[in-house]
């Protein structure tokens, strides 16, 4: 049973797609995404008189 699963083309296609997707995520992520995000930017309204 396990030998048939390992030899099946579906398993290899699934594994290959998973690996390609993981490499794509690592290769195409923007450089800004590696910096930590501390919070949303806060914009203040000018003081009214």
PDB file of N, CA and C in Angstrom:
ATOM      1  N   UNK A   1       0.833  -1.202   0.000  1.00  0.00           N
ATOM      2  CA  UNK A   1       0.000   0.000   0.000  1.00  0.00           C
ATOM      3  C   UNK A   1       0.873   1.260   0.000  1.00  0.00           C
ATOM      4  N   UNK A   2       1.829   1.336   0.909  1.00  0.00           N
ATOM      5  CA  UNK A   2       2.681   2.513   0.997  1.00  0.00           C
ATOM      6  C   UNK A   2       3.564   2.638  -0.242  1.00  0.00           C
ATOM      7  N   UNK A   3       4.026   1.530  -0.768  1.00  0.00           N
ATOM      8  CA  UNK A   3       4.869   1.554  -1.961  1.00  0.00           C
ATOM      9  C   UNK A   3       4.085   2.097  -3.152  1.00  0.00           C
ATOM     10  N   UNK A   4       2.819   1.727  -3.270  1.00  0.00           N
ATOM     11  CA  UNK A   4       1.988   2.247  -4.360  1.00  0.00           C
ATOM     12  C   UNK A   4       1.776   3.753  -4.221  1.00  0.00           C
ATOM     13  N   UNK A   5       1.630   4.214  -2.991  1.00  0.00           N
ATOM     14  CA  UNK A   5       1.437   5.646  -2.761  1.00  0.00           C
ATOM     15  C   UNK A   5       2.695   6.427  -3.129  1.00  0.00           C
ATOM     16  N   UNK A   6       3.853   5.890  -2.783  1.00  0.00           N
ATOM     17  CA  UNK A   6       5.110   6.576  -3.084  1.00  0.00           C
ATOM     18  C   UNK A   6       5.366   6.612  -4.588  1.00  0.00           C
ATOM     19  N   UNK A   7       4.991   5.563  -5.281  1.00  0.00           N
ATOM     20  CA  UNK A   7       5.235   5.493  -6.718  1.00  0.00           C
ATOM     21  C   UNK A   7       4.173   6.224  -7.536  1.00  0.00           C
ATOM     22  N   UNK A   8       3.092   6.641  -6.921  1.00  0.00           N
ATOM     23  CA  UNK A   8       2.011   7.274  -7.678  1.00  0.00           C
ATOM     24  C   UNK A   8       2.440   8.650  -8.187  1.00  0.00           C
ATOM     25  N   UNK A   9       2.001   8.972  -9.386  1.00  0.00           N
ATOM     26  CA  UNK A   9       2.375  10.258  -9.971  1.00  0.00           C
ATOM     27  C   UNK A   9       1.656  11.407  -9.267  1.00  0.00           C
ATOM     28  N   UNK A  10       0.478  11.143  -8.704  1.00  0.00           N
ATOM     29  CA  UNK A  10      -0.253  12.198  -8.004  1.00  0.00           C
ATOM     30  C   UNK A  10       0.558  12.735  -6.833  1.00  0.00           C
ATOM     31  N   UNK A  11       1.171  11.838  -6.076  1.00  0.00           N
ATOM     32  CA  UNK A  11       1.958  12.270  -4.918  1.00  0.00           C
ATOM     33  C   UNK A  11       3.147  13.118  -5.360  1.00  0.00           C
ATOM     34  N   UNK A  12       3.816  12.710  -6.417  1.00  0.00           N
ATOM     35  CA  UNK A  12       4.973  13.461  -6.896  1.00  0.00           C
ATOM     36  C   UNK A  12       4.557  14.808  -7.479  1.00  0.00           C
ATOM     37  N   UNK A  13       3.427  14.867  -8.152  1.00  0.00           N
ATOM     38  CA  UNK A  13       2.942  16.143  -8.684  1.00  0.00           C
ATOM     39  C   UNK A  13       2.547  17.085  -7.549  1.00  0.00           C
ATOM     40  N   UNK A  14       1.910  16.534  -6.534  1.00  0.00           N
ATOM     41  CA  UNK A  14       1.515  17.336  -5.380  1.00  0.00           C
ATOM     42  C   UNK A  14       2.750  17.877  -4.662  1.00  0.00           C
ATOM     43  N   UNK A  15       3.736  17.020  -4.452  1.00  0.00           N
ATOM     44  CA  UNK A  15       4.958  17.439  -3.772  1.00  0.00           C
ATOM     45  C   UNK A  15       5.714  18.475  -4.598  1.00  0.00           C
ATOM     46  N   UNK A  16       5.795  18.253  -5.899  1.00  0.00           N
ATOM     47  CA  UNK A  16       6.475  19.210  -6.762  1.00  0.00           C
ATOM     48  C   UNK A  16       5.790  20.562  -6.773  1.00  0.00           C
ATOM     49  N   UNK A  17       4.472  20.567  -6.799  1.00  0.00           N
ATOM     50  CA  UNK A  17       3.733  21.822  -6.752  1.00  0.00           C
ATOM     51  C   UNK A  17       3.919  22.544  -5.434  1.00  0.00           C
ATOM     52  N   UNK A  18       3.962  21.787  -4.357  1.00  0.00           N
ATOM     53  CA  UNK A  18       4.174  22.376  -3.042  1.00  0.00           C
ATOM     54  C   UNK A  18       5.554  23.027  -2.966  1.00  0.00           C
ATOM     55  N   UNK A  19       6.562  22.334  -3.468  1.00  0.00           N
ATOM     56  CA  UNK A  19       7.926  22.870  -3.437  1.00  0.00           C
ATOM     57  C   UNK A  19       8.038  24.111  -4.321  1.00  0.00           C
ATOM     58  N   UNK A  20       7.458  24.064  -5.509  1.00  0.00           N
ATOM     59  CA  UNK A  20       7.501  25.235  -6.389  1.00  0.00           C
ATOM     60  C   UNK A  20       6.775  26.429  -5.766  1.00  0.00           C
ATOM     61  N   UNK A  21       5.651  26.175  -5.122  1.00  0.00           N
ATOM     62  CA  UNK A  21       4.925  27.254  -4.459  1.00  0.00           C
ATOM     63  C   UNK A  21       5.721  27.867  -3.323  1.00  0.00           C
ATOM     64  N   UNK A  22       6.375  27.029  -2.537  1.00  0.00           N
ATOM     65  CA  UNK A  22       7.188  27.534  -1.430  1.00  0.00           C
ATOM     66  C   UNK A  22       8.366  28.354  -1.944  1.00  0.00           C
ATOM     67  N   UNK A  23       9.011  27.880  -2.996  1.00  0.00           N
ATOM     68  CA  UNK A  23      10.122  28.639  -3.579  1.00  0.00           C
ATOM     69  C   UNK A  23       9.635  29.961  -4.171  1.00  0.00           C
ATOM     70  N   UNK A  24       8.462  29.944  -4.785  1.00  0.00           N
ATOM     71  CA  UNK A  24       7.904  31.171  -5.336  1.00  0.00           C
ATOM     72  C   UNK A  24       7.598  32.194  -4.255  1.00  0.00           C
ATOM     73  N   UNK A  25       7.064  31.732  -3.134  1.00  0.00           N
ATOM     74  CA  UNK A  25       6.779  32.656  -2.036  1.00  0.00           C
ATOM     75  C   UNK A  25       8.055  33.269  -1.486  1.00  0.00           C
ATOM     76  N   UNK A  26       9.096  32.466  -1.374  1.00  0.00           N
ATOM     77  CA  UNK A  26      10.358  32.985  -0.855  1.00  0.00           C
ATOM     78  C   UNK A  26      11.038  33.921  -1.853  1.00  0.00           C
ATOM     79  N   UNK A  27      10.952  33.604  -3.127  1.00  0.00           N
ATOM     80  CA  UNK A  27      11.670  34.382  -4.132  1.00  0.00           C
ATOM     81  C   UNK A  27      10.986  35.703  -4.448  1.00  0.00           C
ATOM     82  N   UNK A  28       9.668  35.752  -4.405  1.00  0.00           N
ATOM     83  CA  UNK A  28       8.947  36.933  -4.868  1.00  0.00           C
ATOM     84  C   UNK A  28       8.380  37.800  -3.759  1.00  0.00           C
ATOM     85  N   UNK A  29       8.715  37.512  -2.518  1.00  0.00           N
ATOM     86  CA  UNK A  29       8.205  38.380  -1.459  1.00  0.00           C
ATOM     87  C   UNK A  29       8.979  39.697  -1.477  1.00  0.00           C
ATOM     88  N   UNK A  30       8.302  40.798  -1.211  1.00  0.00           N
ATOM     89  CA  UNK A  30       8.995  42.092  -1.233  1.00  0.00           C
ATOM     90  C   UNK A  30       9.979  42.208  -0.073  1.00  0.00           C
ATOM     91  N   UNK A  31      10.997  43.018  -0.255  1.00  0.00           N
ATOM     92  CA  UNK A  31      12.025  43.181   0.772  1.00  0.00           C
ATOM     93  C   UNK A  31      11.445  43.819   2.032  1.00  0.00           C
ATOM     94  N   UNK A  32      10.407  44.648   1.884  1.00  0.00           N
ATOM     95  CA  UNK A  32       9.816  45.302   3.051  1.00  0.00           C
ATOM     96  C   UNK A  32       9.116  44.311   3.970  1.00  0.00           C
ATOM     97  N   UNK A  33       8.750  43.161   3.433  1.00  0.00           N
ATOM     98  CA  UNK A  33       8.013  42.192   4.241  1.00  0.00           C
ATOM     99  C   UNK A  33       8.894  41.557   5.305  1.00  0.00           C
ATOM    100  N   UNK A  34      10.212  41.662   5.168  1.00  0.00           N
ATOM    101  CA  UNK A  34      11.100  41.047   6.149  1.00  0.00           C
ATOM    102  C   UNK A  34      11.263  41.920   7.388  1.00  0.00           C
ATOM    103  N   UNK A  35      10.870  43.198   7.308  1.00  0.00           N
ATOM    104  CA  UNK A  35      10.995  44.078   8.455  1.00  0.00           C
ATOM    105  C   UNK A  35       9.765  43.929   9.343  1.00  0.00           C
ATOM    106  N   UNK A  36       9.956  43.940  10.652  1.00  0.00           N
ATOM    107  CA  UNK A  36       8.803  43.775  11.546  1.00  0.00           C
ATOM    108  C   UNK A  36       7.862  44.974  11.482  1.00  0.00           C
ATOM    109  N   UNK A  37       6.609  44.704  11.673  1.00  0.00           N
ATOM    110  CA  UNK A  37       5.593  45.754  11.671  1.00  0.00           C
ATOM    111  C   UNK A  37       5.212  46.026  13.117  1.00  0.00           C
ATOM    112  N   UNK A  38       5.375  47.267  13.541  1.00  0.00           N
ATOM    113  CA  UNK A  38       5.096  47.614  14.929  1.00  0.00           C
ATOM    114  C   UNK A  38       3.699  48.161  15.131  1.00  0.00           C
ATOM    115  N   UNK A  39       3.040  48.553  14.089  1.00  0.00           N
ATOM    116  CA  UNK A  39       1.696  49.078  14.224  1.00  0.00           C
ATOM    117  C   UNK A  39       1.324  49.888  12.996  1.00  0.00           C
ATOM    118  N   UNK A  40       0.070  50.227  12.915  1.00  0.00           N
ATOM    119  CA  UNK A  40      -0.411  51.010  11.783  1.00  0.00           C
ATOM    120  C   UNK A  40       0.048  52.454  11.942  1.00  0.00           C
ATOM    121  N   UNK A  41       0.329  53.122  10.845  1.00  0.00           N
ATOM    122  CA  UNK A  41       0.710  54.536  10.951  1.00  0.00           C
ATOM    123  C   UNK A  41      -0.463  55.365  11.472  1.00  0.00           C
ATOM    124  N   UNK A  42      -0.157  56.314  12.310  1.00  0.00           N
ATOM    125  CA  UNK A  42      -1.197  57.144  12.920  1.00  0.00           C
ATOM    126  C   UNK A  42      -1.098  58.545  12.335  1.00  0.00           C
ATOM    127  N   UNK A  43      -2.184  59.012  11.764  1.00  0.00           N
ATOM    128  CA  UNK A  43      -2.244  60.362  11.213  1.00  0.00           C
ATOM    129  C   UNK A  43      -3.088  61.211  12.158  1.00  0.00           C
ATOM    130  N   UNK A  44      -2.572  62.370  12.501  1.00  0.00           N
ATOM    131  CA  UNK A  44      -3.315  63.254  13.399  1.00  0.00           C
ATOM    132  C   UNK A  44      -3.876  64.427  12.611  1.00  0.00           C
ATOM    133  N   UNK A  45      -5.051  64.831  12.984  1.00  0.00           N
ATOM    134  CA  UNK A  45      -5.690  65.985  12.349  1.00  0.00           C
ATOM    135  C   UNK A  45      -5.101  67.259  12.951  1.00  0.00           C
ATOM    136  N   UNK A  46      -5.002  68.318  12.168  1.00  0.00           N
ATOM    137  CA  UNK A  46      -4.489  69.583  12.726  1.00  0.00           C
ATOM    138  C   UNK A  46      -5.443  70.118  13.804  1.00  0.00           C
ATOM    139  N   UNK A  47      -4.870  70.784  14.778  1.00  0.00           N
ATOM    140  CA  UNK A  47      -5.680  71.329  15.877  1.00  0.00           C
ATOM    141  C   UNK A  47      -6.571  72.454  15.360  1.00  0.00           C
ATOM    142  N   UNK A  48      -7.827  72.414  15.764  1.00  0.00           N
ATOM    143  CA  UNK A  48      -8.768  73.454  15.343  1.00  0.00           C
ATOM    144  C   UNK A  48      -8.900  74.494  16.441  1.00  0.00           C
ATOM    145  N   UNK A  49      -9.061  75.768  16.044  1.00  0.00           N
ATOM    146  CA  UNK A  49      -9.185  76.856  17.027  1.00  0.00           C
ATOM    147  C   UNK A  49     -10.572  77.411  17.054  1.00  0.00           C
TER     148      UNK A  49
END
